[in-house]
């Protein structure tokens, strides 16, 4: 008997698309996280995130986008931002009715990539040679 993939367990593309729509609605509306996405099509970001996570969860179609370190290279992403992002993802998964055991697995997969996109410190980030790219550092808004 064939073992079910995580992709199949969560409900495939229809569920992933709905989760990412909810999630990016929250991200784009957020006063801090939303600033990272100014000028970028929400629909395109949702599609790429769905394609990326679908591949990581066992879908047959490969992710066609750039590697994570390259795609996030110019952005200063702290652990605080990643934690905030994951809280919004959890909310979106719960609102979509994904089972708790699948939410835990989804968030674990998501967190496995933090090391590829996050920065240890602002000092470390400033050591990167950006050449032709403009670094993106978004200050946390006042509460």
C-alpha atoms as a PDB file:
ATOM      1  CA  UNK A   1       0.000   0.000   0.000  1.00  0.00           C
ATOM      2  CA  UNK A   2       1.320   3.422  -1.013  1.00  0.00           C
ATOM      3  CA  UNK A   3       2.058   5.808   1.858  1.00  0.00           C
ATOM      4  CA  UNK A   4       0.190   9.125   1.671  1.00  0.00           C
ATOM      5  CA  UNK A   5       2.362  12.195   1.200  1.00  0.00           C
ATOM      6  CA  UNK A   6       1.984  15.275   3.363  1.00  0.00           C
ATOM      7  CA  UNK A   7       0.795  17.044   0.210  1.00  0.00           C
ATOM      8  CA  UNK A   8      -2.066  14.544  -0.131  1.00  0.00           C
ATOM      9  CA  UNK A   9      -2.817  14.557   3.615  1.00  0.00           C
ATOM     10  CA  UNK A  10      -3.409  18.323   3.730  1.00  0.00           C
ATOM     11  CA  UNK A  11      -5.747  18.200   0.732  1.00  0.00           C
ATOM     12  CA  UNK A  12      -3.414  18.964  -2.167  1.00  0.00           C
ATOM     13  CA  UNK A  13      -3.323  22.176  -4.184  1.00  0.00           C
ATOM     14  CA  UNK A  14      -6.865  23.382  -3.385  1.00  0.00           C
ATOM     15  CA  UNK A  15      -6.156  23.520   0.365  1.00  0.00           C
ATOM     16  CA  UNK A  16      -2.634  24.870  -0.065  1.00  0.00           C
ATOM     17  CA  UNK A  17      -3.893  27.643  -2.344  1.00  0.00           C
ATOM     18  CA  UNK A  18      -6.588  28.642   0.156  1.00  0.00           C
ATOM     19  CA  UNK A  19      -4.132  28.590   3.072  1.00  0.00           C
ATOM     20  CA  UNK A  20      -1.640  30.752   1.195  1.00  0.00           C
ATOM     21  CA  UNK A  21      -4.353  33.193   0.104  1.00  0.00           C
ATOM     22  CA  UNK A  22      -5.400  33.656   3.744  1.00  0.00           C
ATOM     23  CA  UNK A  23      -1.790  33.812   4.870  1.00  0.00           C
ATOM     24  CA  UNK A  24      -0.669  36.429   2.367  1.00  0.00           C
ATOM     25  CA  UNK A  25      -3.788  38.509   2.971  1.00  0.00           C
ATOM     26  CA  UNK A  26      -2.523  38.741   6.567  1.00  0.00           C
ATOM     27  CA  UNK A  27       1.113  39.291   5.553  1.00  0.00           C
ATOM     28  CA  UNK A  28       0.364  42.055   3.049  1.00  0.00           C
ATOM     29  CA  UNK A  29      -1.886  43.801   5.599  1.00  0.00           C
ATOM     30  CA  UNK A  30       0.674  43.546   8.392  1.00  0.00           C
ATOM     31  CA  UNK A  31       2.438  46.865   9.120  1.00  0.00           C
ATOM     32  CA  UNK A  32       5.881  45.233   9.356  1.00  0.00           C
ATOM     33  CA  UNK A  33       5.806  42.111   7.189  1.00  0.00           C
ATOM     34  CA  UNK A  34       3.808  43.813   4.450  1.00  0.00           C
ATOM     35  CA  UNK A  35       6.655  46.237   3.744  1.00  0.00           C
ATOM     36  CA  UNK A  36       8.803  43.373   2.424  1.00  0.00           C
ATOM     37  CA  UNK A  37       6.260  42.746  -0.330  1.00  0.00           C
ATOM     38  CA  UNK A  38       5.570  46.281  -1.553  1.00  0.00           C
ATOM     39  CA  UNK A  39       5.604  46.321  -5.336  1.00  0.00           C
ATOM     40  CA  UNK A  40       5.251  42.535  -5.608  1.00  0.00           C
ATOM     41  CA  UNK A  41       2.124  40.824  -6.882  1.00  0.00           C
ATOM     42  CA  UNK A  42       0.406  38.993  -4.044  1.00  0.00           C
ATOM     43  CA  UNK A  43      -0.948  36.408  -6.472  1.00  0.00           C
ATOM     44  CA  UNK A  44       2.556  35.660  -7.767  1.00  0.00           C
ATOM     45  CA  UNK A  45       3.930  35.319  -4.227  1.00  0.00           C
ATOM     46  CA  UNK A  46       1.044  33.014  -3.259  1.00  0.00           C
ATOM     47  CA  UNK A  47       1.697  30.862  -6.322  1.00  0.00           C
ATOM     48  CA  UNK A  48       5.426  30.563  -5.613  1.00  0.00           C
ATOM     49  CA  UNK A  49       4.834  29.715  -1.952  1.00  0.00           C
ATOM     50  CA  UNK A  50       2.270  27.080  -2.916  1.00  0.00           C
ATOM     51  CA  UNK A  51       4.619  25.569  -5.506  1.00  0.00           C
ATOM     52  CA  UNK A  52       7.516  25.561  -3.037  1.00  0.00           C
ATOM     53  CA  UNK A  53       5.619  23.969  -0.162  1.00  0.00           C
ATOM     54  CA  UNK A  54       3.847  21.508  -2.452  1.00  0.00           C
ATOM     55  CA  UNK A  55       7.204  20.185  -3.638  1.00  0.00           C
ATOM     56  CA  UNK A  56       8.519  19.964  -0.065  1.00  0.00           C
ATOM     57  CA  UNK A  57       5.390  18.060   0.981  1.00  0.00           C
ATOM     58  CA  UNK A  58       5.694  15.452  -1.754  1.00  0.00           C
ATOM     59  CA  UNK A  59       3.849  16.786  -4.799  1.00  0.00           C
ATOM     60  CA  UNK A  60       5.117  15.475  -8.099  1.00  0.00           C
ATOM     61  CA  UNK A  61       5.589  18.905  -9.677  1.00  0.00           C
ATOM     62  CA  UNK A  62       8.966  20.544  -8.979  1.00  0.00           C
ATOM     63  CA  UNK A  63       9.290  24.082  -7.617  1.00  0.00           C
ATOM     64  CA  UNK A  64      10.320  26.295 -10.562  1.00  0.00           C
ATOM     65  CA  UNK A  65      11.452  29.317  -8.525  1.00  0.00           C
ATOM     66  CA  UNK A  66      14.815  30.576  -7.360  1.00  0.00           C
ATOM     67  CA  UNK A  67      16.684  28.950  -4.495  1.00  0.00           C
ATOM     68  CA  UNK A  68      15.671  30.422  -1.123  1.00  0.00           C
ATOM     69  CA  UNK A  69      19.013  32.020  -0.217  1.00  0.00           C
ATOM     70  CA  UNK A  70      19.120  33.813  -3.573  1.00  0.00           C
ATOM     71  CA  UNK A  71      15.471  34.908  -3.452  1.00  0.00           C
ATOM     72  CA  UNK A  72      15.863  36.354   0.074  1.00  0.00           C
ATOM     73  CA  UNK A  73      19.479  37.472  -0.092  1.00  0.00           C
ATOM     74  CA  UNK A  74      18.941  41.214   0.002  1.00  0.00           C
ATOM     75  CA  UNK A  75      16.398  41.117   2.851  1.00  0.00           C
ATOM     76  CA  UNK A  76      17.298  41.443   6.514  1.00  0.00           C
ATOM     77  CA  UNK A  77      15.068  38.796   8.086  1.00  0.00           C
ATOM     78  CA  UNK A  78      15.357  38.411  11.844  1.00  0.00           C
ATOM     79  CA  UNK A  79      14.138  35.499  13.943  1.00  0.00           C
ATOM     80  CA  UNK A  80      11.454  37.836  15.310  1.00  0.00           C
ATOM     81  CA  UNK A  81      10.120  38.332  11.768  1.00  0.00           C
ATOM     82  CA  UNK A  82      10.207  34.595  11.089  1.00  0.00           C
ATOM     83  CA  UNK A  83       8.352  33.877  14.335  1.00  0.00           C
ATOM     84  CA  UNK A  84       5.720  36.498  13.498  1.00  0.00           C
ATOM     85  CA  UNK A  85       5.368  35.070   9.984  1.00  0.00           C
ATOM     86  CA  UNK A  86       4.883  31.579  11.366  1.00  0.00           C
ATOM     87  CA  UNK A  87       2.197  32.778  13.805  1.00  0.00           C
ATOM     88  CA  UNK A  88       0.242  34.192  10.839  1.00  0.00           C
ATOM     89  CA  UNK A  89       0.733  30.920   8.978  1.00  0.00           C
ATOM     90  CA  UNK A  90      -0.604  28.968  11.968  1.00  0.00           C
ATOM     91  CA  UNK A  91      -3.672  31.248  12.121  1.00  0.00           C
ATOM     92  CA  UNK A  92      -4.282  30.682   8.409  1.00  0.00           C
ATOM     93  CA  UNK A  93      -3.974  26.914   8.733  1.00  0.00           C
ATOM     94  CA  UNK A  94      -6.369  26.866  11.694  1.00  0.00           C
ATOM     95  CA  UNK A  95      -8.872  29.098   9.889  1.00  0.00           C
ATOM     96  CA  UNK A  96      -8.765  26.769   6.889  1.00  0.00           C
ATOM     97  CA  UNK A  97      -9.581  23.822   9.175  1.00  0.00           C
ATOM     98  CA  UNK A  98      -6.325  21.907   8.762  1.00  0.00           C
ATOM     99  CA  UNK A  99      -5.985  19.222  11.450  1.00  0.00           C
ATOM    100  CA  UNK A 100      -3.639  20.106  14.333  1.00  0.00           C
ATOM    101  CA  UNK A 101      -1.263  17.196  13.663  1.00  0.00           C
ATOM    102  CA  UNK A 102      -0.899  18.411  10.056  1.00  0.00           C
ATOM    103  CA  UNK A 103      -0.434  22.010  11.210  1.00  0.00           C
ATOM    104  CA  UNK A 104       2.442  20.890  13.425  1.00  0.00           C
ATOM    105  CA  UNK A 105       4.051  19.023  10.509  1.00  0.00           C
ATOM    106  CA  UNK A 106       3.491  21.950   8.097  1.00  0.00           C
ATOM    107  CA  UNK A 107       5.068  24.423  10.518  1.00  0.00           C
ATOM    108  CA  UNK A 108       8.009  22.077  11.085  1.00  0.00           C
ATOM    109  CA  UNK A 109       8.638  21.899   7.334  1.00  0.00           C
ATOM    110  CA  UNK A 110       8.312  25.678   7.091  1.00  0.00           C
ATOM    111  CA  UNK A 111      10.727  26.251   9.983  1.00  0.00           C
ATOM    112  CA  UNK A 112      13.314  23.921   8.450  1.00  0.00           C
ATOM    113  CA  UNK A 113      14.073  26.681   5.901  1.00  0.00           C
ATOM    114  CA  UNK A 114      14.619  29.508   8.377  1.00  0.00           C
ATOM    115  CA  UNK A 115      18.383  29.002   8.239  1.00  0.00           C
ATOM    116  CA  UNK A 116      18.354  29.631   4.494  1.00  0.00           C
ATOM    117  CA  UNK A 117      16.514  32.966   4.684  1.00  0.00           C
ATOM    118  CA  UNK A 118      17.096  34.365   8.174  1.00  0.00           C
ATOM    119  CA  UNK A 119      19.977  36.446   9.450  1.00  0.00           C
ATOM    120  CA  UNK A 120      21.751  35.986  12.763  1.00  0.00           C
ATOM    121  CA  UNK A 121      22.245  39.706  13.248  1.00  0.00           C
ATOM    122  CA  UNK A 122      22.206  43.032  11.458  1.00  0.00           C
ATOM    123  CA  UNK A 123      26.021  43.098  11.696  1.00  0.00           C
ATOM    124  CA  UNK A 124      26.210  39.747   9.870  1.00  0.00           C
ATOM    125  CA  UNK A 125      23.793  41.036   7.234  1.00  0.00           C
ATOM    126  CA  UNK A 126      25.975  44.090   6.595  1.00  0.00           C
ATOM    127  CA  UNK A 127      28.927  41.801   5.760  1.00  0.00           C
ATOM    128  CA  UNK A 128      27.167  40.636   2.577  1.00  0.00           C
ATOM    129  CA  UNK A 129      28.439  42.196  -0.643  1.00  0.00           C
ATOM    130  CA  UNK A 130      25.257  43.203  -2.480  1.00  0.00           C
ATOM    131  CA  UNK A 131      27.000  44.652  -5.559  1.00  0.00           C
ATOM    132  CA  UNK A 132      23.982  45.597  -7.710  1.00  0.00           C
ATOM    133  CA  UNK A 133      21.223  44.901  -5.200  1.00  0.00           C
ATOM    134  CA  UNK A 134      19.785  47.336  -2.707  1.00  0.00           C
ATOM    135  CA  UNK A 135      19.574  45.810   0.790  1.00  0.00           C
ATOM    136  CA  UNK A 136      16.081  45.737   2.275  1.00  0.00           C
ATOM    137  CA  UNK A 137      15.983  46.463   5.987  1.00  0.00           C
ATOM    138  CA  UNK A 138      12.517  47.164   7.360  1.00  0.00           C
ATOM    139  CA  UNK A 139      12.388  48.740  10.783  1.00  0.00           C
ATOM    140  CA  UNK A 140       9.818  47.360  13.195  1.00  0.00           C
ATOM    141  CA  UNK A 141       6.935  49.839  13.420  1.00  0.00           C
ATOM    142  CA  UNK A 142       6.178  51.457  16.756  1.00  0.00           C
ATOM    143  CA  UNK A 143       3.485  49.579  18.651  1.00  0.00           C
END
